[in-house]
C-alpha atoms as a PDB file:
ATOM      1  CA  MET A   1       0.019  -0.043   0.002  1.00  0.00           C
ATOM      2  CA  ASP A   2       1.543   3.240  -1.112  1.00  0.00           C
ATOM      3  CA  HIS A   3       0.642   6.431   0.660  1.00  0.00           C
ATOM      4  CA  GLY A   4       3.203   8.618  -0.987  1.00  0.00           C
ATOM      5  CA  GLY A   5       3.016  10.985  -3.926  1.00  0.00           C
ATOM      6  CA  GLN A   6       3.539  10.078  -7.521  1.00  0.00           C
ATOM      7  CA  ASN A   7       6.181   7.430  -8.502  1.00  0.00           C
ATOM      8  CA  GLY A   8       6.260   6.154  -4.891  1.00  0.00           C
ATOM      9  CA  THR A   9       7.979   9.333  -3.576  1.00  0.00           C
ATOM     10  CA  LYS A  10       6.911  10.511  -0.169  1.00  0.00           C
ATOM     11  CA  ARG A  11       5.572  14.009  -0.098  1.00  0.00           C
ATOM     12  CA  GLY A  12       6.445  16.431   2.767  1.00  0.00           C
ATOM     13  CA  PHE A  13       3.992  17.827   5.255  1.00  0.00           C
ATOM     14  CA  PHE A  14       4.197  21.383   3.708  1.00  0.00           C
ATOM     15  CA  SER A  15       3.634  20.265   0.188  1.00  0.00           C
ATOM     16  CA  SER A  16      -0.176  20.481   0.723  1.00  0.00           C
ATOM     17  CA  ARG A  17      -1.831  23.886   0.803  1.00  0.00           C
ATOM     18  CA  SER A  18      -4.208  22.777   3.548  1.00  0.00           C
ATOM     19  CA  ASN A  19      -1.344  21.615   5.771  1.00  0.00           C
ATOM     20  CA  VAL A  20       0.374  25.027   5.331  1.00  0.00           C
ATOM     21  CA  VAL A  21      -2.791  26.755   6.335  1.00  0.00           C
ATOM     22  CA  LEU A  22      -3.177  24.426   9.340  1.00  0.00           C
ATOM     23  CA  ALA A  23       0.386  25.076  10.432  1.00  0.00           C
ATOM     24  CA  GLY A  24      -0.181  28.866  10.144  1.00  0.00           C
ATOM     25  CA  PHE A  25      -3.406  28.708  12.109  1.00  0.00           C
ATOM     26  CA  LEU A  26      -1.765  26.651  14.856  1.00  0.00           C
ATOM     27  CA  LEU A  27       1.145  29.066  15.082  1.00  0.00           C
ATOM     28  CA  ILE A  28      -1.176  32.103  15.402  1.00  0.00           C
ATOM     29  CA  ALA A  29      -3.479  30.306  17.908  1.00  0.00           C
ATOM     30  CA  GLY A  30      -0.456  29.234  19.957  1.00  0.00           C
ATOM     31  CA  PHE A  31       0.919  32.760  19.968  1.00  0.00           C
ATOM     32  CA  TYR A  32      -2.344  34.246  21.165  1.00  0.00           C
ATOM     33  CA  LEU A  33      -2.859  31.465  23.709  1.00  0.00           C
ATOM     34  CA  LEU A  34       0.590  32.027  25.185  1.00  0.00           C
ATOM     35  CA  THR A  35       0.348  35.822  25.234  1.00  0.00           C
ATOM     36  CA  GLU A  36      -3.181  35.783  26.863  1.00  0.00           C
ATOM     37  CA  HIS A  37      -2.289  33.195  29.485  1.00  0.00           C
ATOM     38  CA  TYR A  38       1.340  34.150  30.059  1.00  0.00           C
ATOM     39  CA  ALA A  39       0.851  35.097  33.676  1.00  0.00           C
ATOM     40  CA  HIS A  40      -0.854  31.732  34.373  1.00  0.00           C
ATOM     41  CA  VAL A  41       1.815  29.623  32.703  1.00  0.00           C
ATOM     42  CA  ILE A  42       5.013  31.167  34.138  1.00  0.00           C
ATOM     43  CA  PRO A  43       4.584  29.796  37.754  1.00  0.00           C
ATOM     44  CA  PHE A  44       4.323  26.261  36.383  1.00  0.00           C
ATOM     45  CA  LEU A  45       7.302  26.316  34.015  1.00  0.00           C
ATOM     46  CA  PRO A  46       9.793  24.705  36.467  1.00  0.00           C
ATOM     47  CA  TRP A  47       7.316  21.944  37.240  1.00  0.00           C
ATOM     48  CA  LEU A  48       6.690  21.411  33.528  1.00  0.00           C
ATOM     49  CA  LEU A  49      10.402  21.071  32.975  1.00  0.00           C
ATOM     50  CA  LEU A  50      10.676  18.463  35.720  1.00  0.00           C
ATOM     51  CA  LEU A  51       7.647  16.647  34.285  1.00  0.00           C
ATOM     52  CA  ALA A  52       9.200  16.666  30.815  1.00  0.00           C
ATOM     53  CA  CYS A  53      12.175  14.539  31.968  1.00  0.00           C
ATOM     54  CA  PRO A  54      10.269  11.353  32.928  1.00  0.00           C
ATOM     55  CA  LEU A  55       7.832  11.774  30.044  1.00  0.00           C
ATOM     56  CA  MET A  56      10.664  12.013  27.577  1.00  0.00           C
ATOM     57  CA  HIS A  57      12.269   8.990  29.157  1.00  0.00           C
ATOM     58  CA  LEU A  58       9.058   6.933  28.860  1.00  0.00           C
ATOM     59  CA  PHE A  59       8.378   7.913  25.244  1.00  0.00           C
ATOM     60  CA  MET A  60      11.901   7.937  23.966  1.00  0.00           C
ATOM     61  CA  HIS A  61      12.738   4.449  25.428  1.00  0.00           C
ATOM     62  CA  GLY A  62       9.333   2.950  24.608  1.00  0.00           C
ATOM     63  CA  GLY A  63      10.368   1.191  21.472  1.00  0.00           C
ATOM     64  CA  HIS A  64      13.609  -0.611  22.298  1.00  0.00           C
ATOM     65  CA  GLY A  65      12.709  -2.698  25.352  1.00  0.00           C
ATOM     66  CA  GLY A  66      14.190  -0.465  28.027  1.00  0.00           C
ATOM     67  CA  HIS A  67      17.583  -0.562  29.579  1.00  0.00           C
ATOM     68  CA  GLY A  68      19.691  -3.730  29.751  1.00  0.00           C
ATOM     69  CA  GLY A  69      22.879  -3.162  27.835  1.00  0.00           C
ATOM     70  CA  ASP A  70      23.884  -5.275  24.875  1.00  0.00           C
ATOM     71  CA  ARG A  71      22.242  -8.512  26.249  1.00  0.00           C
ATOM     72  CA  GLY A  72      25.487 -10.557  26.343  1.00  0.00           C
ATOM     73  CA  THR A  73      26.634 -10.036  22.786  1.00  0.00           C
ATOM     74  CA  ASP A  74      30.337  -9.727  22.105  1.00  0.00           C
ATOM     75  CA  ARG A  75      31.341  -6.794  20.090  1.00  0.00           C
ATOM     76  CA  ASP A  76      34.623  -6.802  18.213  1.00  0.00           C
ATOM     77  CA  GLU A  77      34.969  -3.177  17.498  1.00  0.00           C
ATOM     78  CA  PRO A  78      33.764  -0.115  19.505  1.00  0.00           C
ATOM     79  CA  GLY A  79      31.650   1.158  16.522  1.00  0.00           C
ATOM     80  CA  ASP A  80      29.714  -2.084  16.096  1.00  0.00           C
ATOM     81  CA  ARG A  81      26.140  -1.929  17.272  1.00  0.00           C
ATOM     82  CA  PRO A  82      23.742  -4.810  17.712  1.00  0.00           C
ATOM     83  CA  SER A  83      20.986  -5.064  15.228  1.00  0.00           C
ATOM     84  CA  SER A  84      18.014  -2.833  15.994  1.00  0.00           C
ATOM     85  CA  PRO A  85      14.968  -4.658  17.623  1.00  0.00           C
ATOM     86  CA  HIS A  86      12.630  -2.143  15.945  1.00  0.00           C
ATOM     87  CA  ARG A  87      10.246  -3.680  13.497  1.00  0.00           C
ATOM     88  CA  HIS A  88       8.594  -1.212  11.115  1.00  0.00           C
END
């Protein structure tokens, strides 16, 4: 199943006019949301930063099975990496 453009090439997000309009709308809406609620957001910024750390850890490590090193494989050279367990 091919979801790309013509000839099997994948089109970018900004190649569609509706996506460009959506991105512009989201930028403008985000700007006004932040400027109108700036005083309400500032006190929570340190807590949001602390919350971002475990959330990034959960989402960034979600696909490879967690920590655990190289699972007993012997590497000959420092640049060798074990095969990726990701299946796409």
